[in-house]
N, C-alpha and C. Protein backbone atom coordinates (compact mmCIF):
# COMPACT_ATOMS: atom_id res chain seq x y z
N MET A 1 38.71 -32.59 -0.47
CA MET A 1 38.06 -33.56 -1.37
C MET A 1 38.70 -33.97 -2.00
N ASP A 2 38.24 -35.41 -2.51
CA ASP A 2 38.90 -36.45 -2.89
C ASP A 2 38.32 -36.74 -4.14
N LEU A 3 39.08 -36.65 -5.33
CA LEU A 3 38.64 -37.33 -6.75
C LEU A 3 38.40 -38.57 -6.40
N LYS A 4 36.97 -38.97 -7.23
CA LYS A 4 36.37 -40.28 -6.65
C LYS A 4 36.44 -41.08 -7.95
N GLU A 5 36.38 -40.67 -8.94
CA GLU A 5 36.50 -41.21 -10.46
C GLU A 5 36.30 -40.21 -11.37
N VAL A 6 36.80 -40.88 -12.39
CA VAL A 6 36.98 -39.78 -13.88
C VAL A 6 36.19 -40.68 -14.68
N TYR A 7 34.88 -39.80 -15.64
CA TYR A 7 34.14 -40.51 -16.45
C TYR A 7 34.70 -39.66 -18.10
N THR A 8 35.04 -40.88 -19.06
CA THR A 8 35.10 -40.24 -20.26
C THR A 8 33.99 -40.45 -21.42
N GLY A 9 33.38 -39.98 -22.19
CA GLY A 9 32.69 -39.84 -23.19
C GLY A 9 33.31 -39.73 -24.77
N GLU A 10 32.36 -39.80 -25.85
CA GLU A 10 33.40 -39.39 -27.01
C GLU A 10 33.84 -38.10 -27.32
N ASN A 11 32.75 -37.11 -26.46
CA ASN A 11 33.60 -35.49 -26.91
C ASN A 11 33.30 -35.30 -25.16
N ASN A 12 33.91 -35.81 -24.40
CA ASN A 12 33.97 -35.07 -22.75
C ASN A 12 34.07 -35.86 -22.42
N THR A 13 34.48 -35.01 -20.70
CA THR A 13 35.65 -35.76 -19.60
C THR A 13 35.05 -34.92 -18.91
N TYR A 14 34.65 -36.01 -17.32
CA TYR A 14 34.30 -35.27 -16.44
C TYR A 14 33.96 -35.64 -15.57
N GLN A 15 34.66 -34.98 -14.21
CA GLN A 15 35.22 -35.83 -12.76
C GLN A 15 34.12 -35.68 -11.54
N GLU A 16 33.67 -36.72 -11.05
CA GLU A 16 33.16 -36.69 -9.73
C GLU A 16 33.68 -36.39 -8.83
N ILE A 17 33.35 -35.12 -7.94
CA ILE A 17 34.04 -35.04 -6.46
C ILE A 17 33.61 -35.34 -5.20
N GLN A 18 34.47 -36.37 -4.90
CA GLN A 18 33.31 -36.57 -3.22
C GLN A 18 34.15 -35.64 -1.83
N VAL A 19 33.06 -35.31 -1.52
CA VAL A 19 33.52 -33.98 -0.66
C VAL A 19 33.74 -35.15 1.25
N LYS A 20 34.09 -34.84 1.37
CA LYS A 20 34.52 -35.84 2.77
C LYS A 20 34.08 -34.87 4.34
N ASP A 21 34.46 -33.27 3.82
CA ASP A 21 34.09 -32.96 5.53
C ASP A 21 32.78 -31.63 4.85
N LYS A 22 31.87 -31.99 4.70
CA LYS A 22 30.69 -31.27 4.57
C LYS A 22 30.56 -30.08 5.62
N SER A 23 30.69 -29.85 6.84
CA SER A 23 30.60 -29.25 7.47
C SER A 23 30.77 -27.48 7.23
N GLN A 24 31.69 -27.07 6.41
CA GLN A 24 31.90 -25.80 6.65
C GLN A 24 30.69 -25.30 5.23
N TYR A 25 30.02 -26.60 4.23
CA TYR A 25 29.41 -26.14 3.43
C TYR A 25 27.96 -26.02 3.89
N ILE A 26 28.00 -26.64 5.08
CA ILE A 26 26.43 -26.73 5.56
C ILE A 26 26.09 -24.94 6.70
N ALA A 27 27.21 -25.39 7.44
CA ALA A 27 27.40 -24.00 8.35
C ALA A 27 27.08 -22.54 7.04
N LYS A 28 27.68 -22.81 5.56
CA LYS A 28 27.45 -21.34 5.36
C LYS A 28 26.19 -21.42 4.33
N ALA A 29 25.16 -22.57 4.13
CA ALA A 29 24.20 -22.73 3.94
C ALA A 29 22.83 -21.87 5.11
N GLU A 30 23.59 -22.34 5.82
CA GLU A 30 22.65 -22.52 6.97
C GLU A 30 22.69 -20.83 7.47
N ASN A 31 23.69 -20.32 7.71
CA ASN A 31 24.25 -18.78 7.61
C ASN A 31 23.37 -18.25 6.22
N ILE A 32 22.76 -18.91 5.23
CA ILE A 32 22.50 -17.76 4.76
C ILE A 32 20.97 -18.41 4.62
N TYR A 33 20.42 -19.01 4.85
CA TYR A 33 18.91 -18.98 5.23
C TYR A 33 18.94 -18.61 5.94
N LEU A 34 19.69 -18.54 7.51
CA LEU A 34 18.94 -17.78 8.80
C LEU A 34 18.81 -16.32 8.50
N GLN A 35 20.15 -15.79 7.71
CA GLN A 35 19.67 -14.45 7.62
C GLN A 35 18.70 -13.67 7.87
N PRO A 36 18.02 -12.88 8.67
CA PRO A 36 16.61 -11.75 8.61
C PRO A 36 16.87 -11.10 7.60
N SER A 37 15.19 -11.99 6.98
CA SER A 37 15.12 -10.62 5.48
C SER A 37 14.81 -8.90 6.09
N PRO A 38 14.99 -8.12 5.14
CA PRO A 38 15.50 -6.66 6.09
C PRO A 38 13.30 -6.58 5.40
N LYS A 39 13.70 -6.08 6.73
CA LYS A 39 11.97 -5.27 6.67
C LYS A 39 12.21 -4.22 6.48
N SER A 40 10.68 -4.04 5.54
CA SER A 40 10.30 -2.86 5.21
C SER A 40 10.06 -1.49 5.99
N ARG A 41 9.89 -0.43 5.43
CA ARG A 41 9.57 0.74 6.15
C ARG A 41 8.02 0.51 6.84
N MET A 42 7.04 0.33 6.15
CA MET A 42 5.55 -0.03 6.83
C MET A 42 5.65 -1.35 7.04
N ASP A 43 6.32 -2.16 7.46
CA ASP A 43 6.13 -3.37 8.40
C ASP A 43 7.00 -3.37 9.66
N THR A 44 7.93 -2.15 9.33
CA THR A 44 8.56 -1.66 10.71
C THR A 44 7.60 -0.91 11.81
N TYR A 45 6.76 0.19 10.53
CA TYR A 45 5.28 1.09 10.76
C TYR A 45 4.49 -0.25 12.10
N PHE A 46 4.18 -1.61 11.29
CA PHE A 46 3.24 -1.59 11.92
C PHE A 46 3.90 -2.51 13.34
N GLN A 47 4.58 -3.05 13.03
CA GLN A 47 5.71 -3.52 14.37
C GLN A 47 5.56 -2.42 15.95
N LYS A 48 5.96 -1.29 14.91
CA LYS A 48 6.39 -0.07 16.35
C LYS A 48 4.76 -0.22 16.92
N LEU A 49 3.93 0.03 15.98
CA LEU A 49 2.54 0.46 16.29
C LEU A 49 2.03 -0.32 17.58
N LEU A 50 2.41 -1.54 17.47
CA LEU A 50 2.17 -2.93 18.66
C LEU A 50 2.35 -2.52 20.13
N LYS A 51 3.79 -1.85 19.57
CA LYS A 51 4.22 -1.24 21.51
C LYS A 51 3.62 0.14 21.31
N GLU A 52 3.42 1.06 20.76
CA GLU A 52 2.61 1.97 20.77
C GLU A 52 1.29 2.23 21.68
N ILE A 53 0.70 1.18 20.83
CA ILE A 53 -0.68 1.14 21.50
C ILE A 53 -0.81 0.78 22.62
N GLU A 54 0.56 -1.14 22.95
CA GLU A 54 0.59 -0.94 24.52
C GLU A 54 1.03 0.05 25.37
N GLU A 55 1.94 0.54 25.01
CA GLU A 55 2.08 1.18 26.06
C GLU A 55 1.61 2.64 25.86
N GLY A 56 1.03 2.94 25.29
CA GLY A 56 -0.04 4.30 25.14
C GLY A 56 0.63 5.12 24.79
N ILE A 57 1.61 4.90 23.80
CA ILE A 57 2.65 6.03 23.06
C ILE A 57 1.47 6.84 22.02
N THR A 58 1.20 8.16 22.61
CA THR A 58 0.39 9.18 21.56
C THR A 58 1.52 10.20 20.97
N SER A 59 0.92 10.73 20.46
CA SER A 59 1.48 12.37 19.87
C SER A 59 0.32 12.78 18.73
N ASP A 60 0.51 14.40 18.44
CA ASP A 60 -0.05 15.33 17.89
C ASP A 60 -0.31 14.58 16.55
N VAL A 61 -0.78 15.06 15.70
CA VAL A 61 -0.89 14.84 13.65
C VAL A 61 0.37 15.29 13.82
N PHE A 62 1.35 14.82 12.96
CA PHE A 62 2.77 15.33 12.19
C PHE A 62 1.98 16.07 11.33
N ASP A 63 2.95 16.93 10.74
CA ASP A 63 2.47 18.28 9.11
C ASP A 63 2.05 17.46 7.87
N GLU A 64 2.95 16.01 8.02
CA GLU A 64 3.39 15.82 5.88
C GLU A 64 1.26 14.52 6.56
N LEU A 65 1.07 13.91 7.51
CA LEU A 65 -0.19 14.02 7.41
C LEU A 65 -1.63 14.76 7.47
N LYS A 66 -1.58 15.99 8.52
CA LYS A 66 -2.10 17.36 8.57
C LYS A 66 -2.33 17.92 7.07
N TYR A 67 -1.87 17.30 6.57
CA TYR A 67 -1.75 18.09 5.15
C TYR A 67 -2.82 17.48 4.32
N TYR A 68 -3.03 16.13 4.40
CA TYR A 68 -4.21 15.15 3.72
C TYR A 68 -5.82 15.19 4.58
N GLN A 69 -5.33 16.05 6.26
CA GLN A 69 -6.25 16.01 6.76
C GLN A 69 -6.76 17.31 6.57
N THR A 70 -6.44 18.16 6.36
CA THR A 70 -6.91 19.11 5.40
C THR A 70 -7.29 19.78 4.87
N LYS A 71 -8.72 20.16 3.91
CA LYS A 71 -9.64 20.56 3.08
C LYS A 71 -8.33 21.43 2.13
N LEU A 72 -8.23 21.43 1.08
CA LEU A 72 -7.80 22.38 0.44
C LEU A 72 -8.54 23.47 -0.44
N ASP A 73 -8.42 24.35 -0.55
CA ASP A 73 -9.13 25.39 -1.68
C ASP A 73 -10.28 24.70 -2.49
N GLY A 74 -11.32 25.17 -2.21
CA GLY A 74 -12.42 24.82 -3.31
C GLY A 74 -13.47 24.96 -2.18
N THR A 75 -14.76 24.62 -2.97
CA THR A 75 -15.91 24.76 -2.19
C THR A 75 -16.79 23.11 -2.30
N LYS A 76 -16.88 22.37 -3.27
CA LYS A 76 -17.52 21.26 -3.33
C LYS A 76 -16.53 20.12 -2.58
N GLY A 77 -17.37 19.64 -2.37
CA GLY A 77 -17.64 18.62 -0.80
C GLY A 77 -17.43 16.70 -1.74
N MET A 78 -16.99 15.99 -1.51
CA MET A 78 -16.85 14.64 -2.21
C MET A 78 -18.62 14.34 -2.84
N GLU A 79 -19.03 14.52 -2.12
CA GLU A 79 -20.56 14.04 -2.94
C GLU A 79 -20.37 14.56 -4.78
N GLN A 80 -20.41 15.94 -4.22
CA GLN A 80 -20.73 16.87 -5.67
C GLN A 80 -19.68 16.60 -6.34
N LYS A 81 -18.65 16.34 -6.14
CA LYS A 81 -17.60 16.12 -7.13
C LYS A 81 -17.68 14.38 -8.12
N LEU A 82 -18.55 13.63 -6.99
CA LEU A 82 -18.47 12.21 -7.54
C LEU A 82 -19.69 12.59 -8.39
N ILE A 83 -20.85 13.37 -8.30
CA ILE A 83 -21.58 14.04 -9.51
C ILE A 83 -20.88 13.98 -10.70
N ASP A 84 -20.39 15.48 -10.26
CA ASP A 84 -19.63 16.01 -11.68
C ASP A 84 -18.46 14.96 -12.27
N GLY A 85 -17.88 14.40 -11.96
CA GLY A 85 -17.37 13.00 -12.32
C GLY A 85 -17.70 11.96 -12.58
N GLY A 86 -19.45 11.92 -12.84
CA GLY A 86 -20.07 10.82 -13.93
C GLY A 86 -20.96 9.30 -12.65
N PHE A 87 -20.44 9.65 -11.09
CA PHE A 87 -21.05 8.57 -10.46
C PHE A 87 -22.60 8.52 -10.59
N ARG A 88 -23.09 7.43 -10.24
CA ARG A 88 -24.35 7.17 -10.57
C ARG A 88 -24.81 7.48 -8.56
N LEU A 89 -26.06 7.60 -8.21
CA LEU A 89 -26.32 7.16 -7.14
C LEU A 89 -25.90 6.39 -5.73
N SER A 90 -26.54 5.33 -6.92
CA SER A 90 -26.00 4.21 -5.37
C SER A 90 -24.61 4.29 -5.52
N ARG A 91 -23.52 4.51 -6.06
CA ARG A 91 -21.91 4.67 -6.17
C ARG A 91 -22.06 5.62 -5.35
N ILE A 92 -22.57 6.64 -5.17
CA ILE A 92 -22.00 8.14 -4.63
C ILE A 92 -22.18 7.59 -2.72
N GLN A 93 -23.82 6.36 -2.75
CA GLN A 93 -23.85 5.92 -0.88
C GLN A 93 -22.97 5.75 -1.05
N GLU A 94 -22.62 4.53 -1.74
CA GLU A 94 -21.73 3.79 -1.44
C GLU A 94 -20.10 4.27 -0.98
N ALA A 95 -20.24 5.05 -1.50
CA ALA A 95 -18.79 5.86 -1.91
C ALA A 95 -18.84 6.06 -0.07
N THR A 96 -19.67 6.86 0.15
CA THR A 96 -19.56 7.10 1.75
C THR A 96 -19.74 6.71 2.54
N GLN A 97 -20.24 5.76 2.40
CA GLN A 97 -20.43 4.13 3.49
C GLN A 97 -18.20 3.65 3.46
N LEU A 98 -17.62 3.74 2.44
CA LEU A 98 -16.99 3.50 2.76
C LEU A 98 -15.73 4.69 3.42
N LYS A 99 -16.35 6.04 2.83
CA LYS A 99 -15.88 7.05 3.13
C LYS A 99 -15.54 6.45 5.21
N GLN A 100 -17.01 6.16 5.55
CA GLN A 100 -16.99 6.48 6.82
C GLN A 100 -16.51 5.09 7.60
N MET A 101 -16.10 4.55 7.03
CA MET A 101 -15.64 2.78 7.47
C MET A 101 -14.39 3.10 7.53
N TYR A 102 -13.77 3.66 6.48
CA TYR A 102 -12.32 4.24 6.72
C TYR A 102 -11.96 5.03 8.04
N ALA A 103 -12.82 6.10 7.95
CA ALA A 103 -12.60 7.07 9.35
C ALA A 103 -12.65 6.54 10.46
N LYS A 104 -13.46 5.84 10.56
CA LYS A 104 -14.19 5.31 11.82
C LYS A 104 -12.00 4.46 12.58
N ILE A 105 -11.99 4.22 11.26
CA ILE A 105 -10.33 3.25 12.05
C ILE A 105 -9.54 4.64 12.20
N ALA A 106 -9.47 5.50 11.49
CA ALA A 106 -8.59 6.87 11.47
C ALA A 106 -8.85 7.07 12.68
N THR A 107 -9.51 7.68 12.98
CA THR A 107 -10.21 8.06 14.50
C THR A 107 -9.83 7.34 15.59
N LYS A 108 -9.49 6.28 15.62
CA LYS A 108 -9.43 5.63 16.36
C LYS A 108 -7.96 5.40 17.02
N TYR A 109 -7.39 5.25 15.80
CA TYR A 109 -5.92 4.81 16.04
C TYR A 109 -4.60 6.17 15.13
N ASP A 110 -5.56 7.25 14.94
CA ASP A 110 -4.15 8.00 14.35
C ASP A 110 -3.30 9.00 15.48
N CYS A 111 -3.96 8.86 16.46
CA CYS A 111 -3.06 9.78 17.38
C CYS A 111 -2.13 8.57 17.65
N TYR A 112 -1.37 7.59 16.71
CA TYR A 112 0.03 6.79 17.02
C TYR A 112 0.33 7.21 16.26
N PRO A 113 1.90 7.11 16.66
CA PRO A 113 2.41 7.98 15.38
C PRO A 113 2.51 7.28 14.15
N SER A 114 2.72 5.91 14.42
CA SER A 114 3.46 4.67 13.66
C SER A 114 2.15 4.47 12.70
N ALA A 115 0.89 5.07 13.29
CA ALA A 115 -0.48 4.76 12.63
C ALA A 115 -0.80 5.88 11.78
N GLN A 116 0.05 6.88 12.00
CA GLN A 116 -0.19 8.43 11.35
C GLN A 116 0.82 7.86 10.28
N ARG A 117 1.95 7.85 10.32
CA ARG A 117 2.87 7.33 9.22
C ARG A 117 2.94 6.19 8.16
N ILE A 118 2.17 5.41 8.63
CA ILE A 118 0.98 4.28 7.60
C ILE A 118 0.64 4.66 6.66
N ILE A 119 -1.00 5.86 7.55
CA ILE A 119 -1.73 6.12 7.07
C ILE A 119 -1.57 7.51 5.62
N GLN A 120 -0.32 8.13 6.28
CA GLN A 120 0.45 9.63 5.37
C GLN A 120 1.47 8.34 4.39
N LEU A 121 1.61 7.27 4.26
CA LEU A 121 2.12 6.60 3.16
C LEU A 121 1.31 5.81 2.10
N LEU A 122 0.08 5.75 3.20
CA LEU A 122 -1.04 5.59 2.15
C LEU A 122 -1.43 6.07 1.02
N PHE A 123 -1.20 7.94 1.80
CA PHE A 123 -2.74 8.69 1.31
C PHE A 123 -1.19 9.30 0.41
N ALA A 124 -0.25 9.20 0.19
CA ALA A 124 0.56 9.44 -0.68
C ALA A 124 1.05 8.88 -1.90
N ARG A 125 0.80 7.07 -1.88
CA ARG A 125 0.17 6.59 -2.94
C ARG A 125 -0.68 6.90 -3.79
N ILE A 126 -1.91 6.75 -2.99
CA ILE A 126 -2.95 6.87 -3.96
C ILE A 126 -2.67 7.82 -4.54
N LYS A 127 -2.88 9.15 -3.67
CA LYS A 127 -2.89 10.67 -4.33
C LYS A 127 -1.88 10.48 -5.92
N HIS A 128 -0.80 10.03 -5.97
CA HIS A 128 0.06 10.34 -6.84
C HIS A 128 0.00 9.42 -8.19
N GLU A 129 -0.15 8.36 -7.54
CA GLU A 129 -0.92 6.78 -8.37
C GLU A 129 -1.88 7.53 -9.42
N PHE A 130 -3.09 8.03 -8.04
CA PHE A 130 -4.59 9.02 -8.66
C PHE A 130 -3.96 10.05 -10.38
N TYR A 131 -2.96 10.59 -9.91
CA TYR A 131 -2.53 11.58 -10.82
C TYR A 131 -1.58 10.82 -11.89
N ALA A 132 -1.07 10.15 -11.90
CA ALA A 132 -0.23 9.82 -12.76
C ALA A 132 -0.72 8.63 -13.64
N SER A 133 -1.68 7.61 -13.21
CA SER A 133 -2.40 7.06 -13.92
C SER A 133 -3.84 6.84 -14.23
N ILE A 134 -5.05 8.02 -13.51
CA ILE A 134 -6.20 8.28 -13.13
C ILE A 134 -6.52 9.21 -14.03
N PHE A 135 -5.95 10.08 -13.75
CA PHE A 135 -6.36 11.64 -13.90
C PHE A 135 -6.36 11.66 -15.60
N PRO A 136 -5.09 11.05 -16.46
CA PRO A 136 -5.61 11.19 -17.35
C PRO A 136 -6.20 10.72 -18.37
N LEU A 137 -7.17 9.71 -17.95
CA LEU A 137 -8.12 9.38 -18.22
C LEU A 137 -9.45 10.44 -18.36
N ILE A 138 -9.88 10.65 -17.12
CA ILE A 138 -10.84 11.60 -16.68
C ILE A 138 -10.15 12.70 -17.81
N GLU A 139 -9.12 13.31 -18.11
CA GLU A 139 -8.64 14.41 -19.16
C GLU A 139 -9.30 14.04 -20.59
N GLN A 140 -9.33 12.48 -20.85
CA GLN A 140 -9.64 12.40 -22.20
C GLN A 140 -11.39 12.04 -22.15
N GLN A 141 -12.07 12.04 -21.09
CA GLN A 141 -13.18 12.49 -20.67
C GLN A 141 -14.08 10.65 -20.88
N GLN A 142 -13.01 9.82 -20.70
CA GLN A 142 -13.08 8.16 -20.43
C GLN A 142 -14.39 7.70 -19.62
N ALA A 143 -15.58 6.87 -20.12
CA ALA A 143 -16.48 6.42 -18.80
C ALA A 143 -16.37 6.27 -17.78
N ILE A 144 -17.43 6.57 -17.01
CA ILE A 144 -16.55 6.12 -15.69
C ILE A 144 -16.54 4.45 -14.97
N ASN A 145 -17.27 3.38 -15.99
CA ASN A 145 -16.87 1.97 -15.57
C ASN A 145 -15.34 1.83 -15.47
N ILE A 146 -14.47 2.83 -16.88
CA ILE A 146 -13.30 2.12 -17.05
C ILE A 146 -12.31 3.21 -16.30
N VAL A 147 -12.54 4.61 -15.79
CA VAL A 147 -11.80 5.12 -14.80
C VAL A 147 -12.08 4.45 -13.75
N MET A 148 -12.99 3.44 -12.54
CA MET A 148 -12.93 2.63 -11.75
C MET A 148 -12.41 1.65 -11.97
N GLN A 149 -12.07 1.07 -13.32
CA GLN A 149 -11.46 -0.18 -13.59
C GLN A 149 -10.11 -0.18 -13.33
N GLN A 150 -9.26 1.04 -13.72
CA GLN A 150 -8.10 1.80 -13.25
C GLN A 150 -7.36 1.63 -12.04
N VAL A 151 -8.72 2.42 -11.43
CA VAL A 151 -8.80 2.66 -9.92
C VAL A 151 -8.29 1.45 -9.25
N HIS A 152 -9.26 0.39 -9.39
CA HIS A 152 -9.10 -0.89 -9.00
C HIS A 152 -7.70 -1.25 -9.28
N GLU A 153 -6.92 -1.35 -10.61
CA GLU A 153 -6.02 -2.06 -11.15
C GLU A 153 -4.81 -1.33 -10.75
N LYS A 154 -5.02 -0.29 -11.14
CA LYS A 154 -3.40 0.59 -10.44
C LYS A 154 -3.31 1.30 -9.31
N ILE A 155 -4.64 1.22 -8.07
CA ILE A 155 -4.64 2.01 -6.71
C ILE A 155 -4.84 0.70 -6.23
N VAL A 156 -6.17 0.29 -5.76
CA VAL A 156 -6.41 -0.55 -4.96
C VAL A 156 -5.61 -2.47 -4.54
N VAL A 157 -5.26 -2.92 -5.79
CA VAL A 157 -4.84 -4.09 -6.11
C VAL A 157 -3.57 -4.07 -5.52
N PRO A 158 -2.65 -2.89 -6.27
CA PRO A 158 -1.28 -2.98 -5.89
C PRO A 158 -1.54 -2.61 -4.10
N ILE A 159 -2.00 -1.54 -3.77
CA ILE A 159 -2.18 -1.32 -2.15
C ILE A 159 -2.54 -2.57 -1.30
N SER A 160 -3.85 -3.33 -1.86
CA SER A 160 -3.93 -4.16 -0.90
C SER A 160 -2.89 -4.87 -1.00
N ASP A 161 -2.31 -5.51 -1.63
CA ASP A 161 -0.47 -6.33 -2.01
C ASP A 161 0.59 -5.89 -0.80
N MET A 162 0.46 -4.46 -1.15
CA MET A 162 1.52 -3.96 -0.24
C MET A 162 1.46 -4.31 1.37
N LEU A 163 0.03 -4.30 1.43
CA LEU A 163 -0.54 -4.40 3.42
C LEU A 163 0.02 -5.90 3.26
N ASN A 164 -0.68 -6.94 2.61
CA ASN A 164 -1.00 -8.44 2.98
C ASN A 164 0.63 -8.32 2.74
N ALA A 165 1.41 -8.47 2.11
CA ALA A 165 2.77 -8.57 2.39
C ALA A 165 3.70 -8.01 3.27
N ASN A 166 3.35 -6.90 4.03
CA ASN A 166 4.21 -5.88 5.43
C ASN A 166 3.57 -6.36 6.02
N GLY A 167 2.07 -6.92 6.18
CA GLY A 167 1.33 -6.85 7.88
C GLY A 167 1.22 -7.67 8.04
N ALA A 168 2.65 -8.71 8.95
CA ALA A 168 2.28 -9.70 9.62
C ALA A 168 2.18 -8.72 10.99
N TYR A 169 2.51 -7.75 11.41
CA TYR A 169 2.21 -7.80 12.69
C TYR A 169 1.27 -6.47 12.89
N ASP A 170 0.14 -6.76 11.54
CA ASP A 170 -1.04 -5.86 11.70
C ASP A 170 -2.26 -6.03 12.46
N THR A 171 -2.28 -5.95 13.46
CA THR A 171 -3.32 -6.60 14.34
C THR A 171 -4.39 -5.48 14.41
N TYR A 172 -4.12 -4.19 14.21
CA TYR A 172 -4.77 -2.73 14.25
C TYR A 172 -5.37 -2.73 13.49
N LEU A 173 -5.20 -2.05 12.66
CA LEU A 173 -5.81 -1.24 11.44
C LEU A 173 -6.48 -2.27 10.60
N ASN A 174 -5.70 -3.20 9.95
CA ASN A 174 -6.44 -4.17 9.31
C ASN A 174 -6.75 -3.91 7.70
N PHE A 175 -6.96 -2.92 7.38
CA PHE A 175 -7.19 -1.86 6.44
C PHE A 175 -7.17 -2.87 5.25
N ASN A 176 -8.61 -2.88 4.51
CA ASN A 176 -8.78 -3.83 3.32
C ASN A 176 -9.30 -3.00 1.88
N GLU A 177 -9.59 -4.14 0.85
CA GLU A 177 -9.96 -3.20 0.02
C GLU A 177 -11.08 -1.86 -0.20
N ASP A 178 -12.20 -2.24 0.93
CA ASP A 178 -12.96 -1.61 1.26
C ASP A 178 -12.60 0.02 2.22
N HIS A 179 -11.57 -0.14 2.86
CA HIS A 179 -10.52 1.16 3.44
C HIS A 179 -9.41 1.47 1.87
N ILE A 180 -9.40 0.98 1.31
CA ILE A 180 -8.75 1.51 0.66
C ILE A 180 -9.76 2.60 -0.40
N TYR A 181 -10.78 2.02 -0.73
CA TYR A 181 -10.86 3.01 -1.78
C TYR A 181 -12.22 4.29 -0.54
N GLY A 182 -12.54 3.70 0.60
CA GLY A 182 -12.41 4.74 1.47
C GLY A 182 -11.87 6.10 1.63
N MET A 183 -9.98 5.39 1.65
CA MET A 183 -9.27 6.54 1.76
C MET A 183 -9.72 7.46 0.61
N ILE A 184 -9.63 6.46 -0.77
CA ILE A 184 -9.93 7.19 -1.93
C ILE A 184 -10.67 8.65 -1.60
N TYR A 185 -11.90 7.96 -1.27
CA TYR A 185 -13.05 8.77 -1.24
C TYR A 185 -13.23 10.02 -0.28
N TYR A 186 -12.08 9.95 1.07
CA TYR A 186 -11.74 10.99 1.71
C TYR A 186 -11.16 11.87 1.02
N LEU A 187 -9.73 11.47 0.32
CA LEU A 187 -9.32 12.30 -0.45
C LEU A 187 -9.85 13.53 -1.20
N THR A 188 -10.80 12.59 -2.01
CA THR A 188 -11.69 13.30 -2.52
C THR A 188 -12.69 14.66 -2.31
N GLY A 189 -12.76 14.01 -1.11
CA GLY A 189 -13.49 14.71 0.26
C GLY A 189 -13.05 16.13 0.86
N MET A 190 -11.60 15.62 0.94
CA MET A 190 -10.77 17.31 1.33
C MET A 190 -10.01 17.61 -0.02
N CYS A 191 -11.03 17.33 -1.03
CA CYS A 191 -10.32 18.01 -2.55
C CYS A 191 -8.72 17.54 -2.53
N HIS A 192 -8.16 16.31 -2.14
CA HIS A 192 -7.23 16.29 -2.60
C HIS A 192 -7.36 15.42 -4.11
N LEU A 193 -8.08 14.84 -4.40
CA LEU A 193 -8.75 14.32 -5.73
C LEU A 193 -9.57 14.83 -6.84
N ASN A 194 -9.53 14.49 -8.06
CA ASN A 194 -10.79 15.60 -7.96
C ASN A 194 -10.91 14.39 -9.88
N TRP A 195 -12.28 14.47 -9.89
CA TRP A 195 -13.02 13.01 -10.86
C TRP A 195 -13.31 13.82 -12.20
N LYS A 196 -13.00 15.34 -11.99
CA LYS A 196 -13.31 15.43 -13.54
C LYS A 196 -12.17 16.90 -13.58
N ASP A 197 -12.12 17.28 -14.99
CA ASP A 197 -10.92 17.90 -15.38
C ASP A 197 -12.15 19.74 -15.37
N TYR A 198 -11.44 19.92 -14.22
CA TYR A 198 -11.94 21.38 -13.77
C TYR A 198 -11.28 22.44 -14.28
N ASP A 199 -10.19 22.65 -14.65
CA ASP A 199 -9.36 23.52 -15.73
C ASP A 199 -9.81 23.87 -17.26
N ASN A 200 -10.35 22.70 -17.39
CA ASN A 200 -10.94 22.88 -19.38
C ASN A 200 -12.17 22.54 -18.98
N LEU A 201 -13.13 23.55 -18.46
CA LEU A 201 -14.53 23.58 -18.19
C LEU A 201 -15.17 24.05 -19.98
């Protein structure tokens, strides 16, 4: 580096430095920008799923996902749980359609290990966010429109954003907001989610 010129002002002095050999700085800058960004767990699953489908790599459902696919103790199905939660008939009909929409894709692809991992990850996120953010409103007997607004804001939108941010390799599942709602209603039918506080009737 060469000292090119010294500037002085009333209360300051500064130097302009001329850099002759910029190659070392360019190389460092290129190294920073060319470093691959770390993959998320979901991004990795989507990438692996491509190979599994292409090569026909399948497996039995692993226990963590099987837990969500197994109905817990309780005799009420999805429709009755939604009635108990204050859903209108039209919304219950829509819930049934969205549940079937999700189940159609899940049935087609949940034989692949990475698809299972993605679905289990989403189920866990839905369930824990539901009981952290939504069920307290149900316990407070908030109106169903308020509850559903929070379902959309706290569960559906964040998960949709997560899928969009990590779905560069997602060419098969293509879950959108309808499928996320479908997963919510699927978990309701399996008694993993309750829309009424049955402990305090």
